[in-house]
Amino acid sequence: ASSNVANVDVWKWKLGILLANDSKQVIVFSNKRDRKDYEQISNLAKRMGLEINGKEVFASKVPLPHYRPDLDDKRP
């Protein structure tokens, strides 16, 4: 599979885990390849019933009108 398809497949898996995990609400897109494939990942997330924010590039199970850095996994 091409890099593009492989990356989208990885995000399909990541978003599935997000949906299955009751304690996790948000997943952050972390690299340039995710941004490159954003449109496809966004469509996938929307089909899975997730909110997607393109400005900060994250997917959430709950509607968040603005990015919340306190939910970012990489924030200390």
N, C-alpha and C. Protein backbone atom coordinates (compact mmCIF):
# COMPACT_ATOMS: atom_id res chain seq x y z
N ALA A 1 0.84 -1.19 0.00
CA ALA A 1 0.00 0.00 0.00
C ALA A 1 0.87 1.23 0.00
N SER A 2 0.38 2.28 -0.61
CA SER A 2 1.14 3.53 -0.64
C SER A 2 1.20 4.13 0.76
N SER A 3 2.11 5.07 0.92
CA SER A 3 2.26 5.75 2.21
C SER A 3 0.95 6.40 2.63
N ASN A 4 0.26 7.01 1.68
CA ASN A 4 -1.00 7.69 1.95
C ASN A 4 -2.03 6.71 2.50
N VAL A 5 -2.21 5.59 1.84
CA VAL A 5 -3.19 4.59 2.26
C VAL A 5 -2.80 4.00 3.61
N ALA A 6 -1.51 3.73 3.80
CA ALA A 6 -1.04 3.17 5.07
C ALA A 6 -1.30 4.14 6.21
N ASN A 7 -1.07 5.43 6.00
CA ASN A 7 -1.29 6.43 7.05
C ASN A 7 -2.78 6.52 7.39
N VAL A 8 -3.64 6.49 6.41
CA VAL A 8 -5.08 6.55 6.67
C VAL A 8 -5.52 5.28 7.40
N ASP A 9 -4.96 4.14 7.05
CA ASP A 9 -5.28 2.90 7.76
C ASP A 9 -4.86 2.97 9.22
N VAL A 10 -3.70 3.57 9.48
CA VAL A 10 -3.24 3.75 10.86
C VAL A 10 -4.23 4.63 11.62
N TRP A 11 -4.70 5.69 10.97
CA TRP A 11 -5.66 6.57 11.64
C TRP A 11 -7.01 5.90 11.83
N LYS A 12 -7.40 5.01 10.94
CA LYS A 12 -8.63 4.26 11.13
C LYS A 12 -8.52 3.44 12.41
N TRP A 13 -7.36 2.82 12.62
CA TRP A 13 -7.11 2.04 13.82
C TRP A 13 -7.10 2.95 15.06
N LYS A 14 -6.38 4.09 14.99
CA LYS A 14 -6.30 5.01 16.12
C LYS A 14 -7.68 5.56 16.51
N LEU A 15 -8.48 5.92 15.51
CA LEU A 15 -9.81 6.47 15.79
C LEU A 15 -10.72 5.39 16.36
N GLY A 16 -10.56 4.15 15.91
CA GLY A 16 -11.32 3.04 16.47
C GLY A 16 -11.00 2.84 17.95
N ILE A 17 -9.72 2.95 18.29
CA ILE A 17 -9.31 2.83 19.69
C ILE A 17 -9.89 3.99 20.51
N LEU A 18 -9.88 5.19 19.96
CA LEU A 18 -10.46 6.35 20.64
C LEU A 18 -11.93 6.07 20.96
N LEU A 19 -12.66 5.57 20.00
CA LEU A 19 -14.08 5.29 20.21
C LEU A 19 -14.30 4.21 21.27
N ALA A 20 -13.41 3.24 21.31
CA ALA A 20 -13.56 2.13 22.26
C ALA A 20 -13.12 2.48 23.68
N ASN A 21 -12.33 3.53 23.83
CA ASN A 21 -11.78 3.90 25.13
C ASN A 21 -12.66 4.94 25.79
N ASP A 22 -13.38 4.54 26.83
CA ASP A 22 -14.29 5.46 27.51
C ASP A 22 -13.58 6.59 28.24
N SER A 23 -12.32 6.40 28.63
CA SER A 23 -11.62 7.42 29.40
C SER A 23 -10.93 8.46 28.52
N LYS A 24 -10.77 8.19 27.25
CA LYS A 24 -10.08 9.12 26.35
C LYS A 24 -11.11 9.87 25.51
N GLN A 25 -10.96 11.18 25.41
CA GLN A 25 -11.91 12.00 24.69
C GLN A 25 -11.35 12.59 23.39
N VAL A 26 -10.03 12.76 23.32
CA VAL A 26 -9.42 13.49 22.20
C VAL A 26 -8.16 12.76 21.74
N ILE A 27 -7.90 12.83 20.44
CA ILE A 27 -6.65 12.34 19.88
C ILE A 27 -6.08 13.44 18.99
N VAL A 28 -4.80 13.69 19.10
CA VAL A 28 -4.16 14.79 18.38
C VAL A 28 -3.34 14.23 17.22
N PHE A 29 -3.46 14.87 16.06
CA PHE A 29 -2.67 14.52 14.90
C PHE A 29 -1.29 15.10 15.10
N SER A 30 -0.24 14.29 14.98
CA SER A 30 1.06 14.73 15.47
C SER A 30 2.16 14.97 14.44
N ASN A 31 1.97 14.60 13.21
CA ASN A 31 3.09 14.80 12.29
C ASN A 31 2.65 15.36 10.95
N LYS A 32 3.64 15.73 10.13
CA LYS A 32 3.36 16.36 8.84
C LYS A 32 2.57 15.45 7.91
N ARG A 33 2.83 14.14 7.99
CA ARG A 33 2.11 13.22 7.12
C ARG A 33 0.62 13.23 7.44
N ASP A 34 0.28 13.37 8.73
CA ASP A 34 -1.13 13.46 9.11
C ASP A 34 -1.77 14.69 8.50
N ARG A 35 -1.06 15.79 8.51
CA ARG A 35 -1.59 17.03 7.92
C ARG A 35 -1.77 16.88 6.40
N LYS A 36 -0.83 16.17 5.78
CA LYS A 36 -0.92 15.95 4.33
C LYS A 36 -2.16 15.12 3.99
N ASP A 37 -2.46 14.15 4.83
CA ASP A 37 -3.60 13.26 4.60
C ASP A 37 -4.85 13.73 5.34
N TYR A 38 -4.82 14.99 5.80
CA TYR A 38 -5.89 15.49 6.65
C TYR A 38 -7.28 15.30 6.05
N GLU A 39 -7.45 15.59 4.78
CA GLU A 39 -8.78 15.50 4.17
C GLU A 39 -9.35 14.08 4.27
N GLN A 40 -8.53 13.10 3.98
CA GLN A 40 -8.99 11.71 4.06
C GLN A 40 -9.24 11.29 5.51
N ILE A 41 -8.34 11.70 6.41
CA ILE A 41 -8.52 11.38 7.83
C ILE A 41 -9.77 12.07 8.37
N SER A 42 -9.99 13.31 7.95
CA SER A 42 -11.17 14.06 8.37
C SER A 42 -12.45 13.36 7.93
N ASN A 43 -12.49 12.94 6.68
CA ASN A 43 -13.67 12.23 6.17
C ASN A 43 -13.90 10.94 6.94
N LEU A 44 -12.83 10.21 7.23
CA LEU A 44 -12.93 8.98 8.00
C LEU A 44 -13.48 9.27 9.40
N ALA A 45 -12.93 10.27 10.07
CA ALA A 45 -13.37 10.62 11.43
C ALA A 45 -14.85 11.00 11.43
N LYS A 46 -15.26 11.78 10.46
CA LYS A 46 -16.67 12.20 10.38
C LYS A 46 -17.59 11.00 10.16
N ARG A 47 -17.16 10.05 9.32
CA ARG A 47 -17.96 8.84 9.10
C ARG A 47 -18.07 8.01 10.37
N MET A 48 -17.07 8.11 11.25
CA MET A 48 -17.08 7.36 12.50
C MET A 48 -17.83 8.12 13.60
N GLY A 49 -18.36 9.30 13.26
CA GLY A 49 -19.15 10.07 14.23
C GLY A 49 -18.32 10.95 15.15
N LEU A 50 -17.10 11.27 14.75
CA LEU A 50 -16.23 12.10 15.57
C LEU A 50 -16.22 13.53 15.07
N GLU A 51 -16.03 14.45 15.99
CA GLU A 51 -15.82 15.86 15.63
C GLU A 51 -14.37 15.99 15.16
N ILE A 52 -14.14 16.84 14.17
CA ILE A 52 -12.77 17.04 13.68
C ILE A 52 -12.50 18.53 13.61
N ASN A 53 -11.32 18.93 14.02
CA ASN A 53 -10.94 20.34 14.00
C ASN A 53 -9.70 20.45 13.15
N GLY A 54 -9.80 21.11 12.02
CA GLY A 54 -8.67 21.23 11.12
C GLY A 54 -7.66 22.27 11.51
N LYS A 55 -8.06 23.26 12.29
CA LYS A 55 -7.12 24.32 12.67
C LYS A 55 -6.02 23.77 13.55
N GLU A 56 -6.37 23.01 14.55
CA GLU A 56 -5.39 22.43 15.46
C GLU A 56 -5.14 20.96 15.15
N VAL A 57 -5.93 20.38 14.30
CA VAL A 57 -5.83 19.01 13.82
C VAL A 57 -5.95 17.99 14.96
N PHE A 58 -7.17 17.81 15.43
CA PHE A 58 -7.45 16.77 16.39
C PHE A 58 -8.85 16.24 16.16
N ALA A 59 -9.12 15.05 16.65
CA ALA A 59 -10.44 14.45 16.56
C ALA A 59 -10.94 14.25 17.98
N SER A 60 -12.24 14.46 18.18
CA SER A 60 -12.81 14.38 19.52
C SER A 60 -14.15 13.67 19.49
N LYS A 61 -14.44 12.93 20.56
CA LYS A 61 -15.74 12.31 20.69
C LYS A 61 -16.80 13.31 21.11
N VAL A 62 -16.38 14.39 21.72
CA VAL A 62 -17.32 15.41 22.19
C VAL A 62 -17.09 16.70 21.41
N PRO A 63 -18.15 17.48 21.17
CA PRO A 63 -17.99 18.73 20.44
C PRO A 63 -17.16 19.72 21.26
N LEU A 64 -16.05 20.15 20.71
CA LEU A 64 -15.21 21.15 21.35
C LEU A 64 -15.06 22.32 20.38
N PRO A 65 -15.65 23.48 20.71
CA PRO A 65 -15.61 24.59 19.77
C PRO A 65 -14.22 25.18 19.59
N HIS A 66 -13.36 25.03 20.59
CA HIS A 66 -12.02 25.58 20.51
C HIS A 66 -11.03 24.55 21.02
N TYR A 67 -9.82 24.64 20.51
CA TYR A 67 -8.76 23.73 20.96
C TYR A 67 -8.53 23.90 22.46
N ARG A 68 -8.37 22.79 23.16
CA ARG A 68 -8.12 22.82 24.60
C ARG A 68 -6.77 22.17 24.87
N PRO A 69 -5.75 22.98 25.05
CA PRO A 69 -4.42 22.41 25.26
C PRO A 69 -4.33 21.49 26.46
N ASP A 70 -5.23 21.65 27.42
CA ASP A 70 -5.19 20.76 28.59
C ASP A 70 -5.56 19.33 28.23
N LEU A 71 -6.13 19.12 27.04
CA LEU A 71 -6.47 17.76 26.60
C LEU A 71 -5.39 17.18 25.67
N ASP A 72 -4.37 17.93 25.38
CA ASP A 72 -3.30 17.49 24.50
C ASP A 72 -2.39 16.53 25.25
N ASP A 73 -2.22 15.31 24.72
CA ASP A 73 -1.40 14.28 25.37
C ASP A 73 0.05 14.71 25.58
N LYS A 74 0.57 15.55 24.70
CA LYS A 74 1.98 15.91 24.76
C LYS A 74 2.23 17.08 25.72
N ARG A 75 1.22 17.70 26.21
CA ARG A 75 1.39 18.82 27.12
C ARG A 75 1.77 18.30 28.49
N PRO A 76 2.82 18.86 29.09
CA PRO A 76 3.23 18.38 30.44
C PRO A 76 2.19 18.68 31.50
